[in-house]
Amino acid sequence: MRTKKLGVATAAWVMALSTSVTANAQAIPYKLGMFAESGRAFVGLVLDDAVVVDLTRADDDYPPTLRGLIELWDDELAAELMDLAEAARERPPAYAFPLDQLATLVPLADPEVILMAARNYVEHAQEMANVGRASGTTSVIDESVRVGLPGIWQRDPNDQRPNPYLFAKLKSSLTPNGAPIELPPGRPNVDYECELVAVIGRNARRVSVDDALDYVFGYMAMVDVSDREERADGRYGSDWLMGKSHDTFGPSGPFVVPAEFVGDPQDLDVRYTLSGNVMQDSNTELMVHTVRDLVSFGSYIATLRPGDLVGTGTPGGVGEGRTPPVYLKDGDTSECWIERIGTLTNPVRAAP
């Protein structure tokens, strides 16, 4: 439990507004992110995607990173920030800034683990099979998968889904909202994948599917940018490192939304537009494996810790699945929108 409340000045300001805040009984939803102002980075509480309250000035005991804040999270801290959000909506404090005056940073730039789900929507698996990437599609179930993965994934013999598949993505690929996705020289087949990402809130080791959402702090968006060409030599099959972890191949954010403001993660619209053209339009209810499944599955492989990320896969509509293929090109604008999460916008540039 925290031993220090809000800073004295902030606490007095919140108390002064207590009457009007109490009159508005509905909780004020907020988002959390990392920002820079005059060269100083800080954790910010975002209201209405327009105003950012500098939490390090609200209470100098708050840690300087969002990951640190998540590590401290408990009911008392959650209540403090709820009070702060309600008071700031009523009357922004002196340490509140218009969002457009700040540089937005990667919300969680230092996760220990980033796990991403492969082919977790049937439509996406099928479109990849249609262009010759048939291995591991969700539409083909053989008897070998019915045994599950001993020690990692126990399955009902009547479960018609394949076993989950997660791969690691390097944290060096992460880049913030507004920063360019850079197309590596000589790599022409770079694709987009808009997806929901779960942010882990507390240590998760071998957690059950039923309990998995108790370990999720919140959610954000990510574009899992993918180099479809991978290795021309085909050595050892598919090369997930080369395909997924170039610098800037992980636009993420724009902010993290606490789980209480998201509700059911299996009922969120997902839409991706490329230079104004809608390419993906789906809903998270169509996932093959749910957020619960993926967090549980990942926790049987690695201990997940606060600030770690679990991607949930992308819907159908990716560029390689189209005829002709549509790949990212210099001058494009990438927009990944997820209901109740927000819009992640990045220009596309050819790398020097």
Foldseek 3Di string as FASTA:
>chain_A
DDPDAWDPVLVVLLVVCVVVLVVVVDFFFWFWAWWDDPRQIAIWIGHPLWKTAGRCVRHVVQDRAPLSNLQVDDPRVVVRVRSSNSSCVVPNDPRMDTPVNIGQWFRQLDFPWAKEWEQQFQQALVLCVVLPPNPPHQVDDDQVQLCPDPLFDHDDSPQSGGHTDIDTEDSQQETEFAAAQADEPPQFFKKWFKFKKFFFRFKFALDALVCLVVGTFFIKMWIQIFRVCADPVCPPHHDCHSTGYDHNNIYMANTTTGDVQVDDQQAKWKWKDKQRHTQDTGTSVRGNAHPSSQSNSVNSVDTGGGGYMYIRTGYPRMQVSDVVGDHDDQQMWIWIQMPSRGIRIHHYHHDD
